[in-house]
């Protein structure tokens, strides 16, 4: 594989990792933060908006993973690129959304 494909797979992992919390929260009927809330990323968006946003992220991930080059699950480089992108966005999401949902440890006073 060439490095532009690995970069595409990395960003595919980012979009895939971002799709999951929005899509799951939306399908559970729960409001969740989204870029469309006020303030963006902090306020809550409806479950319908989150399903749409999650589905959009799945579509972008599909194009980055399946339409750029030839992604192979048995390729360590391809899977590492995807996994690294998904892992990094998951760490960022855990830190950011943890502030709103009690997932970050309390700070000692």
PDB file of N, CA and C in Angstrom:
ATOM      1  N   UNK A   1       0.834  -1.191   0.000  1.00  0.00           N
ATOM      2  CA  UNK A   1       0.000   0.000   0.000  1.00  0.00           C
ATOM      3  C   UNK A   1       0.873   1.248   0.000  1.00  0.00           C
ATOM      4  N   UNK A   2       0.286   2.289  -0.467  1.00  0.00           N
ATOM      5  CA  UNK A   2       0.996   3.563  -0.482  1.00  0.00           C
ATOM      6  C   UNK A   2       0.532   4.408   0.699  1.00  0.00           C
ATOM      7  N   UNK A   3       1.366   5.345   1.086  1.00  0.00           N
ATOM      8  CA  UNK A   3       1.039   6.138   2.269  1.00  0.00           C
ATOM      9  C   UNK A   3      -0.229   6.965   2.110  1.00  0.00           C
ATOM     10  N   UNK A   4      -0.623   7.467   0.915  1.00  0.00           N
ATOM     11  CA  UNK A   4      -1.920   8.168   0.853  1.00  0.00           C
ATOM     12  C   UNK A   4      -3.094   7.258   1.221  1.00  0.00           C
ATOM     13  N   UNK A   5      -2.991   5.975   0.893  1.00  0.00           N
ATOM     14  CA  UNK A   5      -4.062   5.053   1.273  1.00  0.00           C
ATOM     15  C   UNK A   5      -4.107   4.888   2.786  1.00  0.00           C
ATOM     16  N   UNK A   6      -2.940   4.778   3.403  1.00  0.00           N
ATOM     17  CA  UNK A   6      -2.907   4.624   4.867  1.00  0.00           C
ATOM     18  C   UNK A   6      -3.482   5.864   5.554  1.00  0.00           C
ATOM     19  N   UNK A   7      -3.237   7.039   5.000  1.00  0.00           N
ATOM     20  CA  UNK A   7      -3.806   8.272   5.560  1.00  0.00           C
ATOM     21  C   UNK A   7      -5.333   8.246   5.411  1.00  0.00           C
ATOM     22  N   UNK A   8      -5.809   7.778   4.263  1.00  0.00           N
ATOM     23  CA  UNK A   8      -7.253   7.647   4.060  1.00  0.00           C
ATOM     24  C   UNK A   8      -7.852   6.682   5.070  1.00  0.00           C
ATOM     25  N   UNK A   9      -7.175   5.573   5.334  1.00  0.00           N
ATOM     26  CA  UNK A   9      -7.688   4.580   6.288  1.00  0.00           C
ATOM     27  C   UNK A   9      -7.665   5.133   7.714  1.00  0.00           C
ATOM     28  N   UNK A  10      -6.657   5.940   8.027  1.00  0.00           N
ATOM     29  CA  UNK A  10      -6.590   6.599   9.335  1.00  0.00           C
ATOM     30  C   UNK A  10      -7.823   7.486   9.520  1.00  0.00           C
ATOM     31  N   UNK A  11      -8.114   8.331   8.518  1.00  0.00           N
ATOM     32  CA  UNK A  11      -9.275   9.211   8.625  1.00  0.00           C
ATOM     33  C   UNK A  11     -10.582   8.421   8.559  1.00  0.00           C
ATOM     34  N   UNK A  12     -10.580   7.312   7.836  1.00  0.00           N
ATOM     35  CA  UNK A  12     -11.742   6.425   7.861  1.00  0.00           C
ATOM     36  C   UNK A  12     -12.003   5.916   9.266  1.00  0.00           C
ATOM     37  N   UNK A  13     -10.924   5.580   9.990  1.00  0.00           N
ATOM     38  CA  UNK A  13     -11.056   5.158  11.385  1.00  0.00           C
ATOM     39  C   UNK A  13     -11.599   6.270  12.265  1.00  0.00           C
ATOM     40  N   UNK A  14     -11.147   7.514  12.011  1.00  0.00           N
ATOM     41  CA  UNK A  14     -11.669   8.655  12.768  1.00  0.00           C
ATOM     42  C   UNK A  14     -13.178   8.787  12.571  1.00  0.00           C
ATOM     43  N   UNK A  15     -13.614   8.754  11.319  1.00  0.00           N
ATOM     44  CA  UNK A  15     -15.047   8.892  11.045  1.00  0.00           C
ATOM     45  C   UNK A  15     -15.840   7.705  11.581  1.00  0.00           C
ATOM     46  N   UNK A  16     -15.294   6.516  11.468  1.00  0.00           N
ATOM     47  CA  UNK A  16     -15.971   5.329  11.995  1.00  0.00           C
ATOM     48  C   UNK A  16     -16.119   5.422  13.510  1.00  0.00           C
ATOM     49  N   UNK A  17     -15.030   5.799  14.187  1.00  0.00           N
ATOM     50  CA  UNK A  17     -15.089   5.947  15.642  1.00  0.00           C
ATOM     51  C   UNK A  17     -16.043   7.042  16.082  1.00  0.00           C
ATOM     52  N   UNK A  18     -16.147   8.107  15.284  1.00  0.00           N
ATOM     53  CA  UNK A  18     -17.061   9.199  15.618  1.00  0.00           C
ATOM     54  C   UNK A  18     -18.511   8.821  15.348  1.00  0.00           C
ATOM     55  N   UNK A  19     -18.742   7.953  14.385  1.00  0.00           N
ATOM     56  CA  UNK A  19     -20.110   7.564  14.041  1.00  0.00           C
ATOM     57  C   UNK A  19     -20.787   6.802  15.173  1.00  0.00           C
ATOM     58  N   UNK A  20     -20.022   5.982  15.863  1.00  0.00           N
ATOM     59  CA  UNK A  20     -20.604   5.051  16.827  1.00  0.00           C
ATOM     60  C   UNK A  20     -21.356   5.739  17.970  1.00  0.00           C
ATOM     61  N   UNK A  21     -20.746   6.686  18.721  1.00  0.00           N
ATOM     62  CA  UNK A  21     -21.512   7.259  19.842  1.00  0.00           C
ATOM     63  C   UNK A  21     -22.744   8.036  19.396  1.00  0.00           C
ATOM     64  N   UNK A  22     -22.635   8.725  18.254  1.00  0.00           N
ATOM     65  CA  UNK A  22     -23.790   9.491  17.781  1.00  0.00           C
ATOM     66  C   UNK A  22     -24.917   8.565  17.336  1.00  0.00           C
ATOM     67  N   UNK A  23     -24.572   7.555  16.548  1.00  0.00           N
ATOM     68  CA  UNK A  23     -25.585   6.631  16.038  1.00  0.00           C
ATOM     69  C   UNK A  23     -26.233   5.834  17.171  1.00  0.00           C
ATOM     70  N   UNK A  24     -25.419   5.345  18.094  1.00  0.00           N
ATOM     71  CA  UNK A  24     -25.952   4.545  19.210  1.00  0.00           C
ATOM     72  C   UNK A  24     -26.838   5.411  20.110  1.00  0.00           C
ATOM     73  N   UNK A  25     -26.371   6.601  20.473  1.00  0.00           N
ATOM     74  CA  UNK A  25     -27.200   7.475  21.313  1.00  0.00           C
ATOM     75  C   UNK A  25     -28.513   7.800  20.624  1.00  0.00           C
ATOM     76  N   UNK A  26     -28.432   8.099  19.338  1.00  0.00           N
ATOM     77  CA  UNK A  26     -29.647   8.422  18.594  1.00  0.00           C
ATOM     78  C   UNK A  26     -30.613   7.261  18.517  1.00  0.00           C
ATOM     79  N   UNK A  27     -30.102   6.060  18.241  1.00  0.00           N
ATOM     80  CA  UNK A  27     -31.006   4.915  18.131  1.00  0.00           C
ATOM     81  C   UNK A  27     -31.579   4.516  19.486  1.00  0.00           C
ATOM     82  N   UNK A  28     -30.919   4.910  20.569  1.00  0.00           N
ATOM     83  CA  UNK A  28     -31.458   4.658  21.906  1.00  0.00           C
ATOM     84  C   UNK A  28     -32.456   5.749  22.309  1.00  0.00           C
ATOM     85  N   UNK A  29     -32.630   6.743  21.439  1.00  0.00           N
ATOM     86  CA  UNK A  29     -33.577   7.812  21.724  1.00  0.00           C
ATOM     87  C   UNK A  29     -33.054   8.846  22.700  1.00  0.00           C
ATOM     88  N   UNK A  30     -31.748   8.914  22.843  1.00  0.00           N
ATOM     89  CA  UNK A  30     -31.143   9.845  23.802  1.00  0.00           C
ATOM     90  C   UNK A  30     -30.527  11.043  23.092  1.00  0.00           C
ATOM     91  N   UNK A  31     -30.721  12.242  23.646  1.00  0.00           N
ATOM     92  CA  UNK A  31     -30.024  13.396  23.093  1.00  0.00           C
ATOM     93  C   UNK A  31     -28.531  13.261  23.385  1.00  0.00           C
ATOM     94  N   UNK A  32     -27.711  13.865  22.553  1.00  0.00           N
ATOM     95  CA  UNK A  32     -26.256  13.764  22.709  1.00  0.00           C
ATOM     96  C   UNK A  32     -25.627  14.991  22.057  1.00  0.00           C
ATOM     97  N   UNK A  33     -24.434  15.340  22.493  1.00  0.00           N
ATOM     98  CA  UNK A  33     -23.733  16.478  21.922  1.00  0.00           C
ATOM     99  C   UNK A  33     -23.457  16.225  20.435  1.00  0.00           C
ATOM    100  N   UNK A  34     -23.521  17.297  19.657  1.00  0.00           N
ATOM    101  CA  UNK A  34     -23.170  17.205  18.241  1.00  0.00           C
ATOM    102  C   UNK A  34     -22.682  18.568  17.770  1.00  0.00           C
ATOM    103  N   UNK A  35     -22.116  18.624  16.574  1.00  0.00           N
ATOM    104  CA  UNK A  35     -21.673  19.920  16.048  1.00  0.00           C
ATOM    105  C   UNK A  35     -22.833  20.873  15.761  1.00  0.00           C
ATOM    106  N   UNK A  36     -24.060  20.378  15.778  1.00  0.00           N
ATOM    107  CA  UNK A  36     -25.218  21.190  15.425  1.00  0.00           C
ATOM    108  C   UNK A  36     -25.926  21.767  16.654  1.00  0.00           C
ATOM    109  N   UNK A  37     -25.460  21.424  17.838  1.00  0.00           N
ATOM    110  CA  UNK A  37     -26.063  21.914  19.079  1.00  0.00           C
ATOM    111  C   UNK A  37     -25.564  23.324  19.369  1.00  0.00           C
ATOM    112  N   UNK A  38     -26.196  23.965  20.336  1.00  0.00           N
ATOM    113  CA  UNK A  38     -25.753  25.290  20.772  1.00  0.00           C
ATOM    114  C   UNK A  38     -25.399  25.198  22.240  1.00  0.00           C
ATOM    115  N   UNK A  39     -24.165  25.456  22.611  1.00  0.00           N
ATOM    116  CA  UNK A  39     -22.997  25.671  21.755  1.00  0.00           C
ATOM    117  C   UNK A  39     -22.544  24.360  21.111  1.00  0.00           C
ATOM    118  N   UNK A  40     -21.934  24.459  19.919  1.00  0.00           N
ATOM    119  CA  UNK A  40     -21.514  23.258  19.187  1.00  0.00           C
ATOM    120  C   UNK A  40     -20.610  22.353  20.027  1.00  0.00           C
ATOM    121  N   UNK A  41     -20.933  21.071  20.043  1.00  0.00           N
ATOM    122  CA  UNK A  41     -20.126  20.095  20.765  1.00  0.00           C
ATOM    123  C   UNK A  41     -20.366  20.055  22.258  1.00  0.00           C
ATOM    124  N   UNK A  42     -21.204  20.966  22.762  1.00  0.00           N
ATOM    125  CA  UNK A  42     -21.472  21.000  24.196  1.00  0.00           C
ATOM    126  C   UNK A  42     -22.954  20.834  24.500  1.00  0.00           C
ATOM    127  N   UNK A  43     -23.794  21.546  23.759  1.00  0.00           N
ATOM    128  CA  UNK A  43     -25.234  21.406  23.945  1.00  0.00           C
ATOM    129  C   UNK A  43     -25.709  20.075  23.384  1.00  0.00           C
ATOM    130  N   UNK A  44     -26.928  19.726  23.698  1.00  0.00           N
ATOM    131  CA  UNK A  44     -27.480  18.454  23.251  1.00  0.00           C
ATOM    132  C   UNK A  44     -28.270  18.625  21.956  1.00  0.00           C
ATOM    133  N   UNK A  45     -28.101  17.661  21.063  1.00  0.00           N
ATOM    134  CA  UNK A  45     -28.909  17.573  19.849  1.00  0.00           C
ATOM    135  C   UNK A  45     -29.889  16.418  20.015  1.00  0.00           C
ATOM    136  N   UNK A  46     -30.980  16.474  19.265  1.00  0.00           N
ATOM    137  CA  UNK A  46     -32.000  15.429  19.359  1.00  0.00           C
ATOM    138  C   UNK A  46     -31.455  14.085  18.903  1.00  0.00           C
ATOM    139  N   UNK A  47     -32.164  13.044  19.262  1.00  0.00           N
ATOM    140  CA  UNK A  47     -31.762  11.699  18.849  1.00  0.00           C
ATOM    141  C   UNK A  47     -31.804  11.572  17.326  1.00  0.00           C
ATOM    142  N   UNK A  48     -32.761  12.219  16.674  1.00  0.00           N
ATOM    143  CA  UNK A  48     -32.852  12.163  15.214  1.00  0.00           C
ATOM    144  C   UNK A  48     -31.625  12.801  14.565  1.00  0.00           C
ATOM    145  N   UNK A  49     -31.216  13.948  15.049  1.00  0.00           N
ATOM    146  CA  UNK A  49     -30.014  14.613  14.515  1.00  0.00           C
ATOM    147  C   UNK A  49     -28.804  13.708  14.705  1.00  0.00           C
ATOM    148  N   UNK A  50     -28.711  13.048  15.848  1.00  0.00           N
ATOM    149  CA  UNK A  50     -27.559  12.179  16.091  1.00  0.00           C
ATOM    150  C   UNK A  50     -27.552  10.940  15.201  1.00  0.00           C
ATOM    151  N   UNK A  51     -28.718  10.379  14.901  1.00  0.00           N
ATOM    152  CA  UNK A  51     -28.766   9.256  13.963  1.00  0.00           C
ATOM    153  C   UNK A  51     -28.291   9.724  12.588  1.00  0.00           C
ATOM    154  N   UNK A  52     -28.761  10.874  12.146  1.00  0.00           N
ATOM    155  CA  UNK A  52     -28.353  11.404  10.843  1.00  0.00           C
ATOM    156  C   UNK A  52     -26.857  11.692  10.821  1.00  0.00           C
ATOM    157  N   UNK A  53     -26.339  12.324  11.872  1.00  0.00           N
ATOM    158  CA  UNK A  53     -24.909  12.638  11.949  1.00  0.00           C
ATOM    159  C   UNK A  53     -24.077  11.356  12.008  1.00  0.00           C
ATOM    160  N   UNK A  54     -24.524  10.388  12.774  1.00  0.00           N
ATOM    161  CA  UNK A  54     -23.811   9.109  12.835  1.00  0.00           C
ATOM    162  C   UNK A  54     -23.815   8.404  11.490  1.00  0.00           C
ATOM    163  N   UNK A  55     -24.957   8.393  10.810  1.00  0.00           N
ATOM    164  CA  UNK A  55     -25.046   7.755   9.493  1.00  0.00           C
ATOM    165  C   UNK A  55     -24.148   8.462   8.485  1.00  0.00           C
ATOM    166  N   UNK A  56     -24.108   9.786   8.534  1.00  0.00           N
ATOM    167  CA  UNK A  56     -23.212  10.533   7.645  1.00  0.00           C
ATOM    168  C   UNK A  56     -21.753  10.125   7.884  1.00  0.00           C
ATOM    169  N   UNK A  57     -21.371  10.003   9.149  1.00  0.00           N
ATOM    170  CA  UNK A  57     -20.005   9.588   9.478  1.00  0.00           C
ATOM    171  C   UNK A  57     -19.718   8.172   8.983  1.00  0.00           C
ATOM    172  N   UNK A  58     -20.696   7.266   9.067  1.00  0.00           N
ATOM    173  CA  UNK A  58     -20.532   5.911   8.523  1.00  0.00           C
ATOM    174  C   UNK A  58     -20.294   5.956   7.011  1.00  0.00           C
ATOM    175  N   UNK A  59     -21.043   6.808   6.312  1.00  0.00           N
ATOM    176  CA  UNK A  59     -20.897   6.919   4.850  1.00  0.00           C
ATOM    177  C   UNK A  59     -19.511   7.443   4.494  1.00  0.00           C
ATOM    178  N   UNK A  60     -19.049   8.488   5.197  1.00  0.00           N
ATOM    179  CA  UNK A  60     -17.710   9.021   4.931  1.00  0.00           C
ATOM    180  C   UNK A  60     -16.653   7.951   5.213  1.00  0.00           C
ATOM    181  N   UNK A  61     -16.814   7.221   6.321  1.00  0.00           N
ATOM    182  CA  UNK A  61     -15.872   6.136   6.649  1.00  0.00           C
ATOM    183  C   UNK A  61     -15.866   5.085   5.549  1.00  0.00           C
ATOM    184  N   UNK A  62     -17.038   4.726   5.050  1.00  0.00           N
ATOM    185  CA  UNK A  62     -17.119   3.744   3.968  1.00  0.00           C
ATOM    186  C   UNK A  62     -16.303   4.194   2.761  1.00  0.00           C
ATOM    187  N   UNK A  63     -16.502   5.438   2.337  1.00  0.00           N
ATOM    188  CA  UNK A  63     -15.770   5.922   1.165  1.00  0.00           C
ATOM    189  C   UNK A  63     -14.271   5.960   1.411  1.00  0.00           C
ATOM    190  N   UNK A  64     -13.844   6.374   2.599  1.00  0.00           N
ATOM    191  CA  UNK A  64     -12.412   6.439   2.894  1.00  0.00           C
ATOM    192  C   UNK A  64     -11.787   5.051   3.021  1.00  0.00           C
ATOM    193  N   UNK A  65     -12.543   4.083   3.491  1.00  0.00           N
ATOM    194  CA  UNK A  65     -12.008   2.736   3.699  1.00  0.00           C
ATOM    195  C   UNK A  65     -12.180   1.818   2.488  1.00  0.00           C
ATOM    196  N   UNK A  66     -13.295   1.931   1.823  1.00  0.00           N
ATOM    197  CA  UNK A  66     -13.622   0.951   0.773  1.00  0.00           C
ATOM    198  C   UNK A  66     -13.478   1.477  -0.645  1.00  0.00           C
ATOM    199  N   UNK A  67     -13.387   2.769  -0.825  1.00  0.00           N
ATOM    200  CA  UNK A  67     -13.320   3.312  -2.167  1.00  0.00           C
ATOM    201  C   UNK A  67     -11.967   3.928  -2.489  1.00  0.00           C
ATOM    202  N   UNK A  68     -11.090   4.016  -1.503  1.00  0.00           N
ATOM    203  CA  UNK A  68      -9.730   4.515  -1.720  1.00  0.00           C
ATOM    204  C   UNK A  68      -8.794   3.320  -1.612  1.00  0.00           C
ATOM    205  N   UNK A  69      -8.117   3.008  -2.673  1.00  0.00           N
ATOM    206  CA  UNK A  69      -7.217   1.855  -2.649  1.00  0.00           C
ATOM    207  C   UNK A  69      -7.990   0.568  -2.443  1.00  0.00           C
ATOM    208  N   UNK A  70      -7.311  -0.400  -1.878  1.00  0.00           N
ATOM    209  CA  UNK A  70      -7.935  -1.691  -1.572  1.00  0.00           C
ATOM    210  C   UNK A  70      -7.639  -2.033  -0.116  1.00  0.00           C
ATOM    211  N   UNK A  71      -8.577  -1.709   0.771  1.00  0.00           N
ATOM    212  CA  UNK A  71      -8.410  -1.995   2.195  1.00  0.00           C
ATOM    213  C   UNK A  71      -8.519  -3.499   2.409  1.00  0.00           C
ATOM    214  N   UNK A  72      -7.544  -4.060   3.141  1.00  0.00           N
ATOM    215  CA  UNK A  72      -7.550  -5.492   3.437  1.00  0.00           C
ATOM    216  C   UNK A  72      -7.486  -5.704   4.943  1.00  0.00           C
ATOM    217  N   UNK A  73      -8.439  -6.456   5.475  1.00  0.00           N
ATOM    218  CA  UNK A  73      -8.437  -6.749   6.914  1.00  0.00           C
ATOM    219  C   UNK A  73      -7.217  -7.555   7.334  1.00  0.00           C
ATOM    220  N   UNK A  74      -6.600  -8.266   6.421  1.00  0.00           N
ATOM    221  CA  UNK A  74      -5.413  -9.062   6.754  1.00  0.00           C
ATOM    222  C   UNK A  74      -4.114  -8.273   6.613  1.00  0.00           C
ATOM    223  N   UNK A  75      -4.216  -7.022   6.199  1.00  0.00           N
ATOM    224  CA  UNK A  75      -3.037  -6.170   6.083  1.00  0.00           C
ATOM    225  C   UNK A  75      -2.809  -5.440   7.404  1.00  0.00           C
ATOM    226  N   UNK A  76      -1.676  -5.710   8.032  1.00  0.00           N
ATOM    227  CA  UNK A  76      -1.372  -5.069   9.317  1.00  0.00           C
ATOM    228  C   UNK A  76      -1.320  -3.548   9.171  1.00  0.00           C
ATOM    229  N   UNK A  77      -0.766  -3.055   8.076  1.00  0.00           N
ATOM    230  CA  UNK A  77      -0.669  -1.607   7.870  1.00  0.00           C
ATOM    231  C   UNK A  77      -2.054  -0.983   7.732  1.00  0.00           C
ATOM    232  N   UNK A  78      -2.935  -1.618   6.962  1.00  0.00           N
ATOM    233  CA  UNK A  78      -4.289  -1.077   6.773  1.00  0.00           C
ATOM    234  C   UNK A  78      -5.058  -1.055   8.094  1.00  0.00           C
ATOM    235  N   UNK A  79      -5.025  -2.166   8.802  1.00  0.00           N
ATOM    236  CA  UNK A  79      -5.776  -2.270  10.055  1.00  0.00           C
ATOM    237  C   UNK A  79      -5.179  -1.358  11.130  1.00  0.00           C
ATOM    238  N   UNK A  80      -3.866  -1.229  11.147  1.00  0.00           N
ATOM    239  CA  UNK A  80      -3.222  -0.327  12.109  1.00  0.00           C
ATOM    240  C   UNK A  80      -3.624   1.113  11.850  1.00  0.00           C
ATOM    241  N   UNK A  81      -3.662   1.523  10.592  1.00  0.00           N
ATOM    242  CA  UNK A  81      -4.074   2.891  10.261  1.00  0.00           C
ATOM    243  C   UNK A  81      -5.501   3.155  10.705  1.00  0.00           C
ATOM    244  N   UNK A  82      -6.409   2.247  10.358  1.00  0.00           N
ATOM    245  CA  UNK A  82      -7.804   2.380  10.766  1.00  0.00           C
ATOM    246  C   UNK A  82      -7.914   2.376  12.292  1.00  0.00           C
ATOM    247  N   UNK A  83      -7.270   1.416  12.931  1.00  0.00           N
ATOM    248  CA  UNK A  83      -7.347   1.287  14.384  1.00  0.00           C
ATOM    249  C   UNK A  83      -6.796   2.488  15.122  1.00  0.00           C
ATOM    250  N   UNK A  84      -5.696   3.047  14.606  1.00  0.00           N
ATOM    251  CA  UNK A  84      -5.109   4.225  15.245  1.00  0.00           C
ATOM    252  C   UNK A  84      -6.063   5.413  15.156  1.00  0.00           C
ATOM    253  N   UNK A  85      -6.666   5.611  13.991  1.00  0.00           N
ATOM    254  CA  UNK A  85      -7.637   6.695  13.852  1.00  0.00           C
ATOM    255  C   UNK A  85      -8.818   6.517  14.786  1.00  0.00           C
ATOM    256  N   UNK A  86      -9.379   5.302  14.833  1.00  0.00           N
ATOM    257  CA  UNK A  86     -10.522   5.039  15.715  1.00  0.00           C
ATOM    258  C   UNK A  86     -10.137   5.191  17.185  1.00  0.00           C
ATOM    259  N   UNK A  87      -8.945   4.721  17.536  1.00  0.00           N
ATOM    260  CA  UNK A  87      -8.487   4.804  18.925  1.00  0.00           C
ATOM    261  C   UNK A  87      -8.302   6.260  19.356  1.00  0.00           C
ATOM    262  N   UNK A  88      -7.666   7.067  18.510  1.00  0.00           N
ATOM    263  CA  UNK A  88      -7.413   8.467  18.877  1.00  0.00           C
ATOM    264  C   UNK A  88      -8.707   9.263  19.000  1.00  0.00           C
ATOM    265  N   UNK A  89      -9.653   9.066  18.082  1.00  0.00           N
ATOM    266  CA  UNK A  89     -10.919   9.789  18.204  1.00  0.00           C
ATOM    267  C   UNK A  89     -11.698   9.305  19.425  1.00  0.00           C
ATOM    268  N   UNK A  90     -11.556   8.042  19.773  1.00  0.00           N
ATOM    269  CA  UNK A  90     -12.227   7.504  20.960  1.00  0.00           C
ATOM    270  C   UNK A  90     -11.656   8.105  22.234  1.00  0.00           C
ATOM    271  N   UNK A  91     -10.331   8.261  22.294  1.00  0.00           N
ATOM    272  CA  UNK A  91      -9.718   8.912  23.456  1.00  0.00           C
ATOM    273  C   UNK A  91     -10.190  10.359  23.579  1.00  0.00           C
ATOM    274  N   UNK A  92     -10.225  11.056  22.456  1.00  0.00           N
ATOM    275  CA  UNK A  92     -10.662  12.447  22.469  1.00  0.00           C
ATOM    276  C   UNK A  92     -12.127  12.527  22.887  1.00  0.00           C
ATOM    277  N   UNK A  93     -12.972  11.647  22.343  1.00  0.00           N
ATOM    278  CA  UNK A  93     -14.392  11.656  22.681  1.00  0.00           C
ATOM    279  C   UNK A  93     -14.613  11.326  24.158  1.00  0.00           C
ATOM    280  N   UNK A  94     -13.862  10.362  24.682  1.00  0.00           N
ATOM    281  CA  UNK A  94     -14.002  10.000  26.097  1.00  0.00           C
ATOM    282  C   UNK A  94     -13.664  11.188  26.989  1.00  0.00           C
ATOM    283  N   UNK A  95     -12.620  11.907  26.633  1.00  0.00           N
ATOM    284  CA  UNK A  95     -12.226  13.070  27.415  1.00  0.00           C
ATOM    285  C   UNK A  95     -13.264  14.188  27.296  1.00  0.00           C
ATOM    286  N   UNK A  96     -13.682  14.477  26.066  1.00  0.00           N
ATOM    287  CA  UNK A  96     -14.621  15.578  25.840  1.00  0.00           C
ATOM    288  C   UNK A  96     -16.002  15.270  26.403  1.00  0.00           C
ATOM    289  N   UNK A  97     -16.588  14.143  26.024  1.00  0.00           N
ATOM    290  CA  UNK A  97     -17.943  13.820  26.454  1.00  0.00           C
ATOM    291  C   UNK A  97     -17.995  13.402  27.917  1.00  0.00           C
ATOM    292  N   UNK A  98     -16.875  12.942  28.462  1.00  0.00           N
ATOM    293  CA  UNK A  98     -16.829  12.598  29.879  1.00  0.00           C
ATOM    294  C   UNK A  98     -17.126  13.780  30.775  1.00  0.00           C
ATOM    295  N   UNK A  99     -16.809  14.993  30.309  1.00  0.00           N
ATOM    296  CA  UNK A  99     -17.106  16.206  31.067  1.00  0.00           C
ATOM    297  C   UNK A  99     -18.615  16.371  31.272  1.00  0.00           C
ATOM    298  N   UNK A 100     -19.386  15.908  30.306  1.00  0.00           N
ATOM    299  CA  UNK A 100     -20.832  16.108  30.340  1.00  0.00           C
ATOM    300  C   UNK A 100     -21.593  14.925  30.919  1.00  0.00           C
ATOM    301  N   UNK A 101     -20.961  13.753  30.924  1.00  0.00           N
ATOM    302  CA  UNK A 101     -21.678  12.536  31.316  1.00  0.00           C
ATOM    303  C   UNK A 101     -21.048  11.825  32.501  1.00  0.00           C
ATOM    304  N   UNK A 102     -20.168  12.500  33.239  1.00  0.00           N
ATOM    305  CA  UNK A 102     -19.588  11.931  34.441  1.00  0.00           C
ATOM    306  C   UNK A 102     -18.524  10.869  34.213  1.00  0.00           C
ATOM    307  N   UNK A 103     -17.931  10.837  33.024  1.00  0.00           N
ATOM    308  CA  UNK A 103     -16.945   9.803  32.723  1.00  0.00           C
ATOM    309  C   UNK A 103     -15.522  10.158  33.099  1.00  0.00           C
ATOM    310  N   UNK A 104     -15.266  11.415  33.444  1.00  0.00           N
ATOM    311  CA  UNK A 104     -13.926  11.820  33.851  1.00  0.00           C
ATOM    312  C   UNK A 104     -13.839  11.787  35.372  1.00  0.00           C
ATOM    313  N   UNK A 105     -12.699  11.362  35.904  1.00  0.00           N
ATOM    314  CA  UNK A 105     -12.583  11.332  37.365  1.00  0.00           C
ATOM    315  C   UNK A 105     -12.661  12.728  37.950  1.00  0.00           C
ATOM    316  N   UNK A 106     -13.279  12.862  39.126  1.00  0.00           N
ATOM    317  CA  UNK A 106     -13.364  14.199  39.737  1.00  0.00           C
ATOM    318  C   UNK A 106     -11.985  14.695  40.130  1.00  0.00           C
ATOM    319  N   UNK A 107     -11.810  15.997  40.064  1.00  0.00           N
ATOM    320  CA  UNK A 107     -10.540  16.611  40.445  1.00  0.00           C
ATOM    321  C   UNK A 107     -10.543  16.872  41.950  1.00  0.00           C
ATOM    322  N   UNK A 108      -9.394  16.573  42.573  1.00  0.00           N
ATOM    323  CA  UNK A 108      -9.285  16.787  44.012  1.00  0.00           C
ATOM    324  C   UNK A 108      -9.249  18.288  44.309  1.00  0.00           C
ATOM    325  N   UNK A 109      -9.906  18.680  45.389  1.00  0.00           N
ATOM    326  CA  UNK A 109      -9.936  20.093  45.761  1.00  0.00           C
ATOM    327  C   UNK A 109      -8.822  20.427  46.703  1.00  0.00           C
TER     328      UNK A 109
END
